[in-house]
Amino acid sequence: MSSIANLKVKLFADGADLAGMQEMYANPIIKGFTTNPTLMRKVGIKDYKTFAHEVLKAIPDRPISFEVFADEFDEMERQALEISSWGKNVNVKIPVTNTKQQFAGPLIERLSKVGVSLNVTAVTTLDQVRNITALLSPSTPSIISVFAGRIADTGRDPLPLMAEAVKIMSAKPQAELIWASPRELLNIFHADSIGCHIITATNDILKKLSLVDKDLEDYSLETVQMFYNDAQTAGYNID
């Protein structure tokens, strides 16, 4: 699969199911992991800290992002410093604003300045990218997660925006752009084409990597066979 081997964009797995994360960890093309409170709640995680330490024990040597869940910035900061202490491979996810739509800029600047590796998340505009980039310490590795999939959900093409975000972030070489919330496997190639550093995708999307470069005639036949077999199994008839 030469097209996969030639990808420059790094593939991160997005999820909160420990077994699924371990499955992806066994795949050397997966270079890191992201989580969020919504994914954790979805799979029934009750103890945030215990889960995080279980993940870090299972995955000690690839980047993993864990998110703060406070809404007040002083409590976000306390949580961020605690989460950052859990491992050298931890990125702390800070939302670009709180629920009151107050920009997290001063907190981002303070944390980055003291060496906390951030993943600034829920970003959807170039103004947000510019403002965040300006505040990041040039000596601290950081990530900005732009939710390209959510942008696409609004009927907007995310590609031009993501390409411009790459240019903006070049001012801080230690900062990397994540193409977040992809909707299909093709987005991996979109991200790669504009020089995006990372794309994070759910296991359902990443498992489709085996389809890359698949013969389309074969895929057509398999689809016909699927429809036929399902009709036979269901016992359909028209009499």
C-alpha atoms as a PDB file:
ATOM      1  CA  MET A   1       0.000   0.000   0.000  1.00  0.00           C
ATOM      2  CA  SER A   2       2.469   2.605  -1.246  1.00  0.00           C
ATOM      3  CA  SER A   3       0.005   5.488  -0.882  1.00  0.00           C
ATOM      4  CA  ILE A   4      -0.249   4.811   2.863  1.00  0.00           C
ATOM      5  CA  ALA A   5       3.511   4.365   3.210  1.00  0.00           C
ATOM      6  CA  ASN A   6       4.072   7.738   1.523  1.00  0.00           C
ATOM      7  CA  LEU A   7       1.785   9.723   3.805  1.00  0.00           C
ATOM      8  CA  LYS A   8       3.513  12.540   5.661  1.00  0.00           C
ATOM      9  CA  VAL A   9       0.555  13.364   7.892  1.00  0.00           C
ATOM     10  CA  LYS A  10       0.677  11.540  11.231  1.00  0.00           C
ATOM     11  CA  LEU A  11      -2.293   9.318  12.072  1.00  0.00           C
ATOM     12  CA  PHE A  12      -3.712   9.598  15.605  1.00  0.00           C
ATOM     13  CA  ALA A  13      -6.517   7.393  16.950  1.00  0.00           C
ATOM     14  CA  ASP A  14      -9.427   9.193  18.614  1.00  0.00           C
ATOM     15  CA  GLY A  15     -11.317   7.233  21.257  1.00  0.00           C
ATOM     16  CA  ALA A  16     -11.705   6.268  24.894  1.00  0.00           C
ATOM     17  CA  ASP A  17     -12.128   2.510  24.748  1.00  0.00           C
ATOM     18  CA  LEU A  18      -8.979   1.009  26.262  1.00  0.00           C
ATOM     19  CA  ALA A  19      -9.195  -2.221  24.263  1.00  0.00           C
ATOM     20  CA  GLY A  20      -9.656  -0.248  21.054  1.00  0.00           C
ATOM     21  CA  MET A  21      -6.743   2.026  21.923  1.00  0.00           C
ATOM     22  CA  GLN A  22      -4.517  -0.982  22.589  1.00  0.00           C
ATOM     23  CA  GLU A  23      -5.569  -2.441  19.244  1.00  0.00           C
ATOM     24  CA  MET A  24      -4.472   0.735  17.496  1.00  0.00           C
ATOM     25  CA  TYR A  25      -1.273   0.898  19.569  1.00  0.00           C
ATOM     26  CA  ALA A  26      -0.298  -2.453  18.054  1.00  0.00           C
ATOM     27  CA  ASN A  27      -0.365  -0.794  14.627  1.00  0.00           C
ATOM     28  CA  PRO A  28       2.917   1.087  14.029  1.00  0.00           C
ATOM     29  CA  ILE A  29       1.318   3.554  11.626  1.00  0.00           C
ATOM     30  CA  ILE A  30      -0.722   5.020  14.506  1.00  0.00           C
ATOM     31  CA  LYS A  31       1.552   7.684  15.957  1.00  0.00           C
ATOM     32  CA  GLY A  32      -0.587   9.046  18.802  1.00  0.00           C
ATOM     33  CA  PHE A  33      -3.960   9.205  20.530  1.00  0.00           C
ATOM     34  CA  THR A  34      -6.637  11.721  21.481  1.00  0.00           C
ATOM     35  CA  THR A  35      -9.568  11.482  23.898  1.00  0.00           C
ATOM     36  CA  ASN A  36     -12.255  13.794  25.212  1.00  0.00           C
ATOM     37  CA  PRO A  37     -14.880  13.727  27.992  1.00  0.00           C
ATOM     38  CA  THR A  38     -17.699  12.998  25.540  1.00  0.00           C
ATOM     39  CA  LEU A  39     -15.962   9.873  24.242  1.00  0.00           C
ATOM     40  CA  MET A  40     -15.204   8.791  27.812  1.00  0.00           C
ATOM     41  CA  ARG A  41     -18.826   9.220  28.879  1.00  0.00           C
ATOM     42  CA  LYS A  42     -20.002   7.339  25.793  1.00  0.00           C
ATOM     43  CA  VAL A  43     -18.068   4.207  26.781  1.00  0.00           C
ATOM     44  CA  GLY A  44     -19.029   4.481  30.451  1.00  0.00           C
ATOM     45  CA  ILE A  45     -15.801   5.774  32.018  1.00  0.00           C
ATOM     46  CA  LYS A  46     -16.575   6.743  35.627  1.00  0.00           C
ATOM     47  CA  ASP A  47     -13.128   7.523  37.073  1.00  0.00           C
ATOM     48  CA  TYR A  48     -11.280   9.952  34.799  1.00  0.00           C
ATOM     49  CA  LYS A  49      -7.894   9.776  36.514  1.00  0.00           C
ATOM     50  CA  THR A  50      -7.847   5.995  36.895  1.00  0.00           C
ATOM     51  CA  PHE A  51      -8.731   5.558  33.235  1.00  0.00           C
ATOM     52  CA  ALA A  52      -6.010   7.987  32.160  1.00  0.00           C
ATOM     53  CA  HIS A  53      -3.361   6.138  34.152  1.00  0.00           C
ATOM     54  CA  GLU A  54      -4.497   2.815  32.694  1.00  0.00           C
ATOM     55  CA  VAL A  55      -4.117   4.260  29.213  1.00  0.00           C
ATOM     56  CA  LEU A  56      -0.685   5.686  29.964  1.00  0.00           C
ATOM     57  CA  LYS A  57       0.474   2.357  31.369  1.00  0.00           C
ATOM     58  CA  ALA A  58      -0.676   0.608  28.193  1.00  0.00           C
ATOM     59  CA  ILE A  59       0.641   3.343  25.871  1.00  0.00           C
ATOM     60  CA  PRO A  60       3.761   4.840  27.451  1.00  0.00           C
ATOM     61  CA  ASP A  61       5.616   6.105  24.396  1.00  0.00           C
ATOM     62  CA  ARG A  62       3.216   7.870  22.001  1.00  0.00           C
ATOM     63  CA  PRO A  63       1.501  11.242  22.440  1.00  0.00           C
ATOM     64  CA  ILE A  64      -1.874  11.132  24.213  1.00  0.00           C
ATOM     65  CA  SER A  65      -4.217  14.076  24.743  1.00  0.00           C
ATOM     66  CA  PHE A  66      -6.420  14.304  27.839  1.00  0.00           C
ATOM     67  CA  GLU A  67      -8.847  17.199  28.264  1.00  0.00           C
ATOM     68  CA  VAL A  68      -9.638  19.451  31.185  1.00  0.00           C
ATOM     69  CA  PHE A  69     -13.326  19.577  32.077  1.00  0.00           C
ATOM     70  CA  ALA A  70     -13.693  22.708  34.197  1.00  0.00           C
ATOM     71  CA  ASP A  71     -15.345  25.896  32.927  1.00  0.00           C
ATOM     72  CA  GLU A  72     -13.596  28.462  35.113  1.00  0.00           C
ATOM     73  CA  PHE A  73     -10.075  29.229  33.963  1.00  0.00           C
ATOM     74  CA  ASP A  74      -8.422  28.969  37.379  1.00  0.00           C
ATOM     75  CA  GLU A  75      -9.792  25.437  37.794  1.00  0.00           C
ATOM     76  CA  MET A  76      -8.837  24.606  34.197  1.00  0.00           C
ATOM     77  CA  GLU A  77      -5.295  25.652  35.056  1.00  0.00           C
ATOM     78  CA  ARG A  78      -5.208  23.469  38.174  1.00  0.00           C
ATOM     79  CA  GLN A  79      -6.491  20.487  36.195  1.00  0.00           C
ATOM     80  CA  ALA A  80      -4.068  21.155  33.331  1.00  0.00           C
ATOM     81  CA  LEU A  81      -1.029  21.139  35.615  1.00  0.00           C
ATOM     82  CA  GLU A  82      -2.214  17.917  37.261  1.00  0.00           C
ATOM     83  CA  ILE A  83      -2.884  16.180  33.928  1.00  0.00           C
ATOM     84  CA  SER A  84       0.452  17.334  32.543  1.00  0.00           C
ATOM     85  CA  SER A  85       2.226  15.659  35.481  1.00  0.00           C
ATOM     86  CA  TRP A  86       0.887  12.230  34.525  1.00  0.00           C
ATOM     87  CA  GLY A  87       3.456  11.578  31.807  1.00  0.00           C
ATOM     88  CA  LYS A  88       5.960  13.060  29.381  1.00  0.00           C
ATOM     89  CA  ASN A  89       3.810  11.918  26.467  1.00  0.00           C
ATOM     90  CA  VAL A  90       0.725  13.825  27.671  1.00  0.00           C
ATOM     91  CA  ASN A  91      -0.798  16.768  25.829  1.00  0.00           C
ATOM     92  CA  VAL A  92      -3.364  18.720  27.830  1.00  0.00           C
ATOM     93  CA  LYS A  93      -6.471  19.638  25.868  1.00  0.00           C
ATOM     94  CA  ILE A  94      -7.714  23.150  26.578  1.00  0.00           C
ATOM     95  CA  PRO A  95     -10.902  24.336  24.844  1.00  0.00           C
ATOM     96  CA  VAL A  96     -10.428  27.511  22.832  1.00  0.00           C
ATOM     97  CA  THR A  97     -13.190  29.136  24.924  1.00  0.00           C
ATOM     98  CA  ASN A  98     -15.208  28.209  27.969  1.00  0.00           C
ATOM     99  CA  THR A  99     -18.985  27.745  27.801  1.00  0.00           C
ATOM    100  CA  LYS A 100     -19.422  31.522  28.200  1.00  0.00           C
ATOM    101  CA  GLN A 101     -17.441  31.978  24.954  1.00  0.00           C
ATOM    102  CA  GLN A 102     -14.584  33.646  26.826  1.00  0.00           C
ATOM    103  CA  PHE A 103     -11.298  33.122  24.990  1.00  0.00           C
ATOM    104  CA  ALA A 104      -8.854  30.897  26.875  1.00  0.00           C
ATOM    105  CA  GLY A 105      -5.910  32.919  25.571  1.00  0.00           C
ATOM    106  CA  PRO A 106      -4.365  34.071  28.880  1.00  0.00           C
ATOM    107  CA  LEU A 107      -4.494  30.500  30.208  1.00  0.00           C
ATOM    108  CA  ILE A 108      -3.023  29.100  26.999  1.00  0.00           C
ATOM    109  CA  GLU A 109      -0.180  31.613  27.211  1.00  0.00           C
ATOM    110  CA  ARG A 110       0.588  30.861  30.878  1.00  0.00           C
ATOM    111  CA  LEU A 111       0.567  27.095  30.456  1.00  0.00           C
ATOM    112  CA  SER A 112       2.626  27.127  27.283  1.00  0.00           C
ATOM    113  CA  LYS A 113       5.152  29.489  28.893  1.00  0.00           C
ATOM    114  CA  VAL A 114       5.773  27.063  31.779  1.00  0.00           C
ATOM    115  CA  GLY A 115       6.267  24.141  29.410  1.00  0.00           C
ATOM    116  CA  VAL A 116       2.872  22.414  29.395  1.00  0.00           C
ATOM    117  CA  SER A 117       2.354  20.687  26.036  1.00  0.00           C
ATOM    118  CA  LEU A 118      -1.106  21.811  25.008  1.00  0.00           C
ATOM    119  CA  ASN A 119      -3.707  20.620  22.559  1.00  0.00           C
ATOM    120  CA  VAL A 120      -5.999  23.605  22.066  1.00  0.00           C
ATOM    121  CA  THR A 121      -9.271  22.081  20.950  1.00  0.00           C
ATOM    122  CA  ALA A 122     -12.700  22.878  19.447  1.00  0.00           C
ATOM    123  CA  VAL A 123     -11.146  25.416  17.055  1.00  0.00           C
ATOM    124  CA  THR A 124     -13.166  26.284  13.940  1.00  0.00           C
ATOM    125  CA  THR A 125     -11.956  29.673  12.624  1.00  0.00           C
ATOM    126  CA  LEU A 126      -8.754  31.170  11.291  1.00  0.00           C
ATOM    127  CA  ASP A 127      -9.016  34.070  13.748  1.00  0.00           C
ATOM    128  CA  GLN A 128      -8.889  31.510  16.559  1.00  0.00           C
ATOM    129  CA  VAL A 129      -5.845  29.868  14.958  1.00  0.00           C
ATOM    130  CA  ARG A 130      -4.080  33.238  14.668  1.00  0.00           C
ATOM    131  CA  ASN A 131      -4.841  34.227  18.236  1.00  0.00           C
ATOM    132  CA  ILE A 132      -3.739  30.876  19.668  1.00  0.00           C
ATOM    133  CA  THR A 133      -0.558  30.718  17.591  1.00  0.00           C
ATOM    134  CA  ALA A 134       0.495  34.168  18.761  1.00  0.00           C
ATOM    135  CA  LEU A 135       0.286  33.047  22.398  1.00  0.00           C
ATOM    136  CA  LEU A 136       2.155  29.742  22.145  1.00  0.00           C
ATOM    137  CA  SER A 137       5.684  29.588  23.504  1.00  0.00           C
ATOM    138  CA  PRO A 138       8.153  28.990  20.654  1.00  0.00           C
ATOM    139  CA  SER A 139      10.009  26.489  22.839  1.00  0.00           C
ATOM    140  CA  THR A 140       7.061  24.335  23.933  1.00  0.00           C
ATOM    141  CA  PRO A 141       5.572  21.641  21.667  1.00  0.00           C
ATOM    142  CA  SER A 142       1.896  22.374  21.093  1.00  0.00           C
ATOM    143  CA  ILE A 143      -1.090  21.256  19.044  1.00  0.00           C
ATOM    144  CA  ILE A 144      -4.049  23.168  17.651  1.00  0.00           C
ATOM    145  CA  SER A 145      -7.049  20.973  16.828  1.00  0.00           C
ATOM    146  CA  VAL A 146      -9.190  22.481  14.085  1.00  0.00           C
ATOM    147  CA  PHE A 147     -12.474  20.610  13.730  1.00  0.00           C
ATOM    148  CA  ALA A 148     -12.471  20.297   9.955  1.00  0.00           C
ATOM    149  CA  GLY A 149     -15.270  17.736  10.023  1.00  0.00           C
ATOM    150  CA  ARG A 150     -17.589  20.077  11.888  1.00  0.00           C
ATOM    151  CA  ILE A 151     -16.690  22.879   9.476  1.00  0.00           C
ATOM    152  CA  ALA A 152     -17.651  20.561   6.605  1.00  0.00           C
ATOM    153  CA  ASP A 153     -20.927  19.761   8.374  1.00  0.00           C
ATOM    154  CA  THR A 154     -21.913  23.428   7.884  1.00  0.00           C
ATOM    155  CA  GLY A 155     -21.526  23.159   4.102  1.00  0.00           C
ATOM    156  CA  ARG A 156     -18.124  24.881   4.058  1.00  0.00           C
ATOM    157  CA  ASP A 157     -15.072  23.338   2.400  1.00  0.00           C
ATOM    158  CA  PRO A 158     -12.474  22.965   5.175  1.00  0.00           C
ATOM    159  CA  LEU A 159      -9.514  22.483   2.834  1.00  0.00           C
ATOM    160  CA  PRO A 160      -8.720  26.177   2.156  1.00  0.00           C
ATOM    161  CA  LEU A 161      -9.108  26.997   5.846  1.00  0.00           C
ATOM    162  CA  MET A 162      -6.851  24.144   6.911  1.00  0.00           C
ATOM    163  CA  ALA A 163      -4.226  25.071   4.304  1.00  0.00           C
ATOM    164  CA  GLU A 164      -4.193  28.639   5.617  1.00  0.00           C
ATOM    165  CA  ALA A 165      -3.958  27.373   9.208  1.00  0.00           C
ATOM    166  CA  VAL A 166      -0.784  25.479   8.272  1.00  0.00           C
ATOM    167  CA  LYS A 167       0.714  28.734   6.975  1.00  0.00           C
ATOM    168  CA  ILE A 168      -0.297  30.710  10.068  1.00  0.00           C
ATOM    169  CA  MET A 169       1.172  28.113  12.409  1.00  0.00           C
ATOM    170  CA  SER A 170       4.500  28.048  10.575  1.00  0.00           C
ATOM    171  CA  ALA A 171       5.411  31.042  12.745  1.00  0.00           C
ATOM    172  CA  LYS A 172       5.720  28.582  15.646  1.00  0.00           C
ATOM    173  CA  PRO A 173       7.655  25.539  14.333  1.00  0.00           C
ATOM    174  CA  GLN A 174       7.004  23.612  17.575  1.00  0.00           C
ATOM    175  CA  ALA A 175       3.252  23.817  16.960  1.00  0.00           C
ATOM    176  CA  GLU A 176       1.368  21.170  14.983  1.00  0.00           C
ATOM    177  CA  LEU A 177      -2.055  21.319  13.363  1.00  0.00           C
ATOM    178  CA  ILE A 178      -4.563  18.497  13.856  1.00  0.00           C
ATOM    179  CA  TRP A 179      -7.308  17.860  11.301  1.00  0.00           C
ATOM    180  CA  ALA A 180      -9.956  16.888  13.826  1.00  0.00           C
ATOM    181  CA  SER A 181     -13.325  15.141  13.456  1.00  0.00           C
ATOM    182  CA  PRO A 182     -12.822  13.708   9.962  1.00  0.00           C
ATOM    183  CA  ARG A 183     -15.934  12.235   8.383  1.00  0.00           C
ATOM    184  CA  GLU A 184     -14.341   9.798   5.931  1.00  0.00           C
ATOM    185  CA  LEU A 185     -11.042   8.123   5.157  1.00  0.00           C
ATOM    186  CA  LEU A 186     -10.473  10.442   2.187  1.00  0.00           C
ATOM    187  CA  ASN A 187      -9.917  13.247   4.704  1.00  0.00           C
ATOM    188  CA  ILE A 188      -6.572  11.628   5.576  1.00  0.00           C
ATOM    189  CA  PHE A 189      -5.405  12.338   2.026  1.00  0.00           C
ATOM    190  CA  HIS A 190      -6.939  15.822   2.131  1.00  0.00           C
ATOM    191  CA  ALA A 191      -4.940  16.575   5.285  1.00  0.00           C
ATOM    192  CA  ASP A 192      -1.769  15.167   3.759  1.00  0.00           C
ATOM    193  CA  SER A 193      -2.186  17.206   0.570  1.00  0.00           C
ATOM    194  CA  ILE A 194      -2.068  20.568   2.383  1.00  0.00           C
ATOM    195  CA  GLY A 195       0.760  19.705   4.773  1.00  0.00           C
ATOM    196  CA  CYS A 196      -1.367  19.253   7.889  1.00  0.00           C
ATOM    197  CA  HIS A 197       0.805  17.676  10.566  1.00  0.00           C
ATOM    198  CA  ILE A 198      -1.703  15.275  12.193  1.00  0.00           C
ATOM    199  CA  ILE A 199      -5.159  13.851  11.588  1.00  0.00           C
ATOM    200  CA  THR A 200      -7.036  12.160  14.405  1.00  0.00           C
ATOM    201  CA  ALA A 201      -9.776   9.693  13.515  1.00  0.00           C
ATOM    202  CA  THR A 202     -11.959   7.126  15.201  1.00  0.00           C
ATOM    203  CA  ASN A 203     -11.130   3.442  14.918  1.00  0.00           C
ATOM    204  CA  ASP A 204     -14.047   2.972  12.507  1.00  0.00           C
ATOM    205  CA  ILE A 205     -12.368   5.283  10.009  1.00  0.00           C
ATOM    206  CA  LEU A 206      -8.838   4.034  10.631  1.00  0.00           C
ATOM    207  CA  LYS A 207      -9.929   0.431  10.051  1.00  0.00           C
ATOM    208  CA  LYS A 208     -10.828   1.439   6.486  1.00  0.00           C
ATOM    209  CA  LEU A 209      -7.130   1.934   5.699  1.00  0.00           C
ATOM    210  CA  SER A 210      -7.123  -1.618   4.316  1.00  0.00           C
ATOM    211  CA  LEU A 211      -9.401  -0.353   1.519  1.00  0.00           C
ATOM    212  CA  VAL A 212      -6.883   2.161   0.197  1.00  0.00           C
ATOM    213  CA  ASP A 213      -6.036   1.364  -3.457  1.00  0.00           C
ATOM    214  CA  LYS A 214      -8.559  -1.500  -3.508  1.00  0.00           C
ATOM    215  CA  ASP A 215      -9.552  -2.526  -7.036  1.00  0.00           C
ATOM    216  CA  LEU A 216     -12.880  -0.817  -7.724  1.00  0.00           C
ATOM    217  CA  GLU A 217     -14.175  -3.648  -9.952  1.00  0.00           C
ATOM    218  CA  ASP A 218     -13.579  -6.053  -7.072  1.00  0.00           C
ATOM    219  CA  TYR A 219     -15.297  -3.646  -4.686  1.00  0.00           C
ATOM    220  CA  SER A 220     -18.268  -3.450  -7.034  1.00  0.00           C
ATOM    221  CA  LEU A 221     -18.566  -7.235  -7.148  1.00  0.00           C
ATOM    222  CA  GLU A 222     -18.316  -7.534  -3.363  1.00  0.00           C
ATOM    223  CA  THR A 223     -21.135  -5.007  -3.021  1.00  0.00           C
ATOM    224  CA  VAL A 224     -23.349  -6.961  -5.432  1.00  0.00           C
ATOM    225  CA  GLN A 225     -22.573 -10.174  -3.545  1.00  0.00           C
ATOM    226  CA  MET A 226     -23.450  -8.510  -0.230  1.00  0.00           C
ATOM    227  CA  PHE A 227     -26.850  -7.364  -1.495  1.00  0.00           C
ATOM    228  CA  TYR A 228     -27.562 -10.804  -2.973  1.00  0.00           C
ATOM    229  CA  ASN A 229     -26.506 -12.739   0.121  1.00  0.00           C
ATOM    230  CA  ASP A 230     -28.507 -10.502   2.451  1.00  0.00           C
ATOM    231  CA  ALA A 231     -31.622 -10.903   0.316  1.00  0.00           C
ATOM    232  CA  GLN A 232     -31.200 -14.678   0.324  1.00  0.00           C
ATOM    233  CA  THR A 233     -30.597 -14.790   4.079  1.00  0.00           C
ATOM    234  CA  ALA A 234     -33.703 -12.686   4.674  1.00  0.00           C
ATOM    235  CA  GLY A 235     -35.748 -15.039   2.486  1.00  0.00           C
ATOM    236  CA  TYR A 236     -37.191 -12.262   0.351  1.00  0.00           C
ATOM    237  CA  ASN A 237     -39.449 -13.160  -2.572  1.00  0.00           C
ATOM    238  CA  ILE A 238     -41.878 -11.390  -4.868  1.00  0.00           C
ATOM    239  CA  ASP A 239     -44.783 -13.726  -5.611  1.00  0.00           C
END
